[in-house]
C-alpha atoms as a PDB file:
ATOM      1  CA  MET A   1      34.119  -6.869-190.427  1.00  0.00           C
ATOM      2  CA  ALA A   2      36.701  -7.136-187.773  1.00  0.00           C
ATOM      3  CA  THR A   3      40.311  -7.318-188.381  1.00  0.00           C
ATOM      4  CA  ASP A   4      42.183 -10.496-187.245  1.00  0.00           C
ATOM      5  CA  PRO A   5      45.582 -10.474-189.161  1.00  0.00           C
ATOM      6  CA  LEU A   6      47.109 -12.603-186.439  1.00  0.00           C
ATOM      7  CA  PHE A   7      46.967 -15.853-188.738  1.00  0.00           C
ATOM      8  CA  PHE A   8      49.513 -14.755-191.286  1.00  0.00           C
ATOM      9  CA  SER A   9      52.908 -13.000-190.268  1.00  0.00           C
ATOM     10  CA  GLU A  10      53.654  -9.638-192.020  1.00  0.00           C
ATOM     11  CA  LYS A  11      55.859 -11.564-194.293  1.00  0.00           C
ATOM     12  CA  GLU A  12      53.078 -13.996-195.402  1.00  0.00           C
ATOM     13  CA  GLN A  13      50.702 -11.372-195.777  1.00  0.00           C
ATOM     14  CA  GLN A  14      53.393  -9.571-198.009  1.00  0.00           C
ATOM     15  CA  LEU A  15      53.603 -12.514-200.104  1.00  0.00           C
ATOM     16  CA  ILE A  16      50.135 -12.940-200.825  1.00  0.00           C
ATOM     17  CA  ILE A  17      49.737  -9.038-201.593  1.00  0.00           C
ATOM     18  CA  GLU A  18      52.569  -9.312-204.163  1.00  0.00           C
ATOM     19  CA  ALA A  19      51.011 -12.280-205.623  1.00  0.00           C
ATOM     20  CA  ILE A  20      47.816 -10.318-206.175  1.00  0.00           C
ATOM     21  CA  GLN A  21      49.795  -7.217-207.737  1.00  0.00           C
ATOM     22  CA  GLN A  22      51.749  -9.442-209.876  1.00  0.00           C
ATOM     23  CA  ALA A  23      48.266 -11.335-211.040  1.00  0.00           C
ATOM     24  CA  GLU A  24      46.701  -8.065-211.866  1.00  0.00           C
ATOM     25  CA  LYS A  25      49.814  -7.039-214.025  1.00  0.00           C
ATOM     26  CA  GLN A  26      48.936  -9.766-216.304  1.00  0.00           C
ATOM     27  CA  THR A  27      45.078  -9.051-216.324  1.00  0.00           C
ATOM     28  CA  SER A  28      42.347  -6.426-216.104  1.00  0.00           C
ATOM     29  CA  GLY A  29      40.651  -8.809-213.366  1.00  0.00           C
ATOM     30  CA  GLU A  30      40.593  -7.884-209.624  1.00  0.00           C
ATOM     31  CA  VAL A  31      41.763  -9.986-207.164  1.00  0.00           C
ATOM     32  CA  LYS A  32      40.630  -9.920-203.507  1.00  0.00           C
ATOM     33  CA  VAL A  33      41.593 -12.262-200.444  1.00  0.00           C
ATOM     34  CA  HIS A  34      39.343 -12.435-197.527  1.00  0.00           C
ATOM     35  CA  ILE A  35      40.483 -14.547-194.178  1.00  0.00           C
ATOM     36  CA  GLU A  36      38.506 -15.240-191.363  1.00  0.00           C
ATOM     37  CA  LYS A  37      38.604 -17.927-188.586  1.00  0.00           C
ATOM     38  CA  LYS A  38      35.138 -19.443-189.146  1.00  0.00           C
ATOM     39  CA  CYS A  39      32.674 -19.563-191.938  1.00  0.00           C
ATOM     40  CA  PRO A  40      29.446 -18.268-190.191  1.00  0.00           C
ATOM     41  CA  THR A  41      27.227 -20.108-192.912  1.00  0.00           C
ATOM     42  CA  PRO A  42      26.654 -23.851-193.340  1.00  0.00           C
ATOM     43  CA  ASP A  43      27.564 -23.351-197.017  1.00  0.00           C
ATOM     44  CA  VAL A  44      31.028 -21.787-197.798  1.00  0.00           C
ATOM     45  CA  MET A  45      30.077 -20.503-201.287  1.00  0.00           C
ATOM     46  CA  ASP A  46      27.084 -18.727-199.553  1.00  0.00           C
ATOM     47  CA  ARG A  47      29.659 -16.912-197.405  1.00  0.00           C
ATOM     48  CA  ALA A  48      31.979 -16.316-200.346  1.00  0.00           C
ATOM     49  CA  LYS A  49      28.958 -14.786-202.049  1.00  0.00           C
ATOM     50  CA  GLU A  50      28.382 -12.240-198.989  1.00  0.00           C
ATOM     51  CA  VAL A  51      32.087 -11.292-198.688  1.00  0.00           C
ATOM     52  CA  PHE A  52      32.213 -10.870-202.619  1.00  0.00           C
ATOM     53  CA  LEU A  53      29.394  -8.290-202.416  1.00  0.00           C
ATOM     54  CA  PHE A  54      30.840  -6.691-199.111  1.00  0.00           C
ATOM     55  CA  LEU A  55      34.106  -6.190-200.624  1.00  0.00           C
ATOM     56  CA  ASN A  56      32.710  -4.505-203.906  1.00  0.00           C
ATOM     57  CA  LEU A  57      33.881  -7.190-206.389  1.00  0.00           C
ATOM     58  CA  ASP A  58      30.543  -7.070-208.259  1.00  0.00           C
ATOM     59  CA  LYS A  59      31.218  -3.277-209.290  1.00  0.00           C
ATOM     60  CA  THR A  60      34.339  -3.910-211.385  1.00  0.00           C
ATOM     61  CA  ALA A  61      33.823  -2.384-214.991  1.00  0.00           C
ATOM     62  CA  GLN A  62      34.275  -5.554-216.617  1.00  0.00           C
ATOM     63  CA  GLN A  63      32.743  -7.701-214.050  1.00  0.00           C
ATOM     64  CA  ASN A  64      35.994  -9.730-213.476  1.00  0.00           C
ATOM     65  CA  GLY A  65      36.473  -9.564-209.976  1.00  0.00           C
ATOM     66  CA  VAL A  66      37.649 -12.639-208.124  1.00  0.00           C
ATOM     67  CA  LEU A  67      37.556 -13.425-204.595  1.00  0.00           C
ATOM     68  CA  PHE A  68      39.841 -16.113-202.804  1.00  0.00           C
ATOM     69  CA  TYR A  69      37.863 -16.900-199.357  1.00  0.00           C
ATOM     70  CA  LEU A  70      39.597 -18.843-196.415  1.00  0.00           C
ATOM     71  CA  ALA A  71      37.997 -19.923-193.121  1.00  0.00           C
ATOM     72  CA  TYR A  72      41.018 -21.318-191.738  1.00  0.00           C
ATOM     73  CA  GLU A  73      39.734 -22.808-188.481  1.00  0.00           C
ATOM     74  CA  ASP A  74      36.935 -24.616-190.536  1.00  0.00           C
ATOM     75  CA  ARG A  75      39.184 -25.712-193.272  1.00  0.00           C
ATOM     76  CA  LYS A  76      36.977 -24.144-195.900  1.00  0.00           C
ATOM     77  CA  PHE A  77      37.737 -21.996-198.788  1.00  0.00           C
ATOM     78  CA  ALA A  78      36.313 -20.813-202.151  1.00  0.00           C
ATOM     79  CA  VAL A  79      37.265 -19.127-204.987  1.00  0.00           C
ATOM     80  CA  LEU A  80      34.564 -16.970-206.752  1.00  0.00           C
ATOM     81  CA  GLY A  81      34.610 -15.002-209.837  1.00  0.00           C
ATOM     82  CA  ASP A  82      32.108 -12.610-211.295  1.00  0.00           C
ATOM     83  CA  LYS A  83      29.686 -12.866-213.804  1.00  0.00           C
ATOM     84  CA  GLY A  84      31.972 -11.519-216.671  1.00  0.00           C
ATOM     85  CA  ILE A  85      34.320 -14.168-216.038  1.00  0.00           C
ATOM     86  CA  ASP A  86      31.512 -16.990-215.933  1.00  0.00           C
ATOM     87  CA  ALA A  87      30.328 -15.870-219.159  1.00  0.00           C
ATOM     88  CA  LYS A  88      33.308 -16.193-221.037  1.00  0.00           C
ATOM     89  CA  VAL A  89      35.032 -19.595-219.254  1.00  0.00           C
ATOM     90  CA  THR A  90      34.018 -23.090-218.847  1.00  0.00           C
ATOM     91  CA  ALA A  91      32.219 -24.516-215.990  1.00  0.00           C
ATOM     92  CA  ASP A  92      35.384 -25.988-214.544  1.00  0.00           C
ATOM     93  CA  PHE A  93      37.310 -23.042-215.246  1.00  0.00           C
ATOM     94  CA  TRP A  94      38.257 -22.689-211.286  1.00  0.00           C
ATOM     95  CA  ASN A  95      38.758 -26.454-210.452  1.00  0.00           C
ATOM     96  CA  SER A  96      42.646 -26.234-211.385  1.00  0.00           C
ATOM     97  CA  THR A  97      42.974 -23.221-209.021  1.00  0.00           C
ATOM     98  CA  LYS A  98      41.143 -24.965-206.355  1.00  0.00           C
ATOM     99  CA  ASP A  99      42.940 -28.057-206.635  1.00  0.00           C
ATOM    100  CA  LEU A 100      46.334 -26.378-206.211  1.00  0.00           C
ATOM    101  CA  LEU A 101      44.953 -24.451-203.233  1.00  0.00           C
ATOM    102  CA  ARG A 102      43.840 -27.760-201.487  1.00  0.00           C
ATOM    103  CA  GLN A 103      47.248 -29.272-202.274  1.00  0.00           C
ATOM    104  CA  TYR A 104      48.868 -26.506-200.162  1.00  0.00           C
ATOM    105  CA  PHE A 105      46.226 -25.976-197.619  1.00  0.00           C
ATOM    106  CA  SER A 106      46.130 -29.730-196.729  1.00  0.00           C
ATOM    107  CA  ASN A 107      49.973 -29.369-195.832  1.00  0.00           C
ATOM    108  CA  GLY A 108      49.152 -26.197-193.851  1.00  0.00           C
ATOM    109  CA  GLN A 109      50.792 -23.726-196.327  1.00  0.00           C
ATOM    110  CA  TYR A 110      48.110 -21.361-196.458  1.00  0.00           C
ATOM    111  CA  SER A 111      50.004 -18.114-197.528  1.00  0.00           C
ATOM    112  CA  GLU A 112      51.985 -20.192-200.297  1.00  0.00           C
ATOM    113  CA  GLY A 113      48.889 -21.752-201.442  1.00  0.00           C
ATOM    114  CA  LEU A 114      47.266 -18.437-201.644  1.00  0.00           C
ATOM    115  CA  ALA A 115      50.049 -17.005-203.626  1.00  0.00           C
ATOM    116  CA  LYS A 116      50.170 -19.694-206.055  1.00  0.00           C
ATOM    117  CA  GLY A 117      46.389 -19.870-206.531  1.00  0.00           C
ATOM    118  CA  ILE A 118      46.261 -16.036-207.254  1.00  0.00           C
ATOM    119  CA  ALA A 119      48.948 -16.583-210.018  1.00  0.00           C
ATOM    120  CA  GLU A 120      47.629 -19.265-211.428  1.00  0.00           C
ATOM    121  CA  ALA A 121      44.253 -17.278-211.472  1.00  0.00           C
ATOM    122  CA  GLY A 122      46.072 -14.084-213.049  1.00  0.00           C
ATOM    123  CA  PHE A 123      47.447 -16.573-215.773  1.00  0.00           C
ATOM    124  CA  GLN A 124      44.070 -18.039-216.668  1.00  0.00           C
ATOM    125  CA  LEU A 125      42.171 -14.618-216.463  1.00  0.00           C
ATOM    126  CA  LYS A 126      45.029 -13.140-218.822  1.00  0.00           C
ATOM    127  CA  LYS A 127      43.539 -15.290-221.806  1.00  0.00           C
ATOM    128  CA  HIS A 128      40.082 -13.732-221.124  1.00  0.00           C
ATOM    129  CA  PHE A 129      40.848 -10.491-219.533  1.00  0.00           C
ATOM    130  CA  PRO A 130      44.371  -9.571-220.557  1.00  0.00           C
ATOM    131  CA  PHE A 131      45.956  -6.207-219.168  1.00  0.00           C
ATOM    132  CA  ARG A 132      45.533  -3.143-220.955  1.00  0.00           C
ATOM    133  CA  SER A 133      47.912  -0.012-220.829  1.00  0.00           C
ATOM    134  CA  ASP A 134      44.835   2.106-219.507  1.00  0.00           C
ATOM    135  CA  ASP A 135      43.733  -0.395-217.037  1.00  0.00           C
ATOM    136  CA  ILE A 136      43.282   1.001-213.396  1.00  0.00           C
ATOM    137  CA  ASN A 137      43.346  -0.671-210.157  1.00  0.00           C
ATOM    138  CA  GLU A 138      39.571  -0.646-209.158  1.00  0.00           C
ATOM    139  CA  LEU A 139      39.946  -2.213-205.608  1.00  0.00           C
ATOM    140  CA  PRO A 140      42.829  -2.111-203.200  1.00  0.00           C
ATOM    141  CA  ASP A 141      45.141  -5.117-203.249  1.00  0.00           C
ATOM    142  CA  ASP A 142      45.311  -5.509-199.297  1.00  0.00           C
ATOM    143  CA  ILE A 143      43.945  -8.702-197.598  1.00  0.00           C
ATOM    144  CA  SER A 144      40.324  -8.425-195.825  1.00  0.00           C
ATOM    145  CA  PHE A 145      40.124 -10.077-192.477  1.00  0.00           C
ATOM    146  CA  GLY A 146      36.731 -11.103-190.874  1.00  0.00           C
ATOM    147  CA  HIS A 147      35.604 -12.567-187.768  1.00  0.00           C
END
């Protein structure tokens, strides 16, 4: 996937990465963020599922990977969790996180929204997938950029 980190400043990228690192100190879940200008599919969840697989979020030991997907020019986003999460949580589990993201995104505060949403996800996941002393960071904490 092509790299286009120009949407976020270095400081904003660091804010998001630090939010991922803080969230992963609370939970064994793995969090990834993928940013692209446009969503190449009509359904944002279809694209999120493609990216989820591309980033190997389906390969975590406890099937507890989470993707935050944002297509900023199309103003589309998704939060997608793996089947290990879905098996333990209610169907509306991600709604509070999505509402929080929507609140920030509608004001153009994308990096702040992602940081707050990631923190919320970490807090929620901690209940079902608490951090353990033998946890390893299964995926890099960097931001993935698409087209």
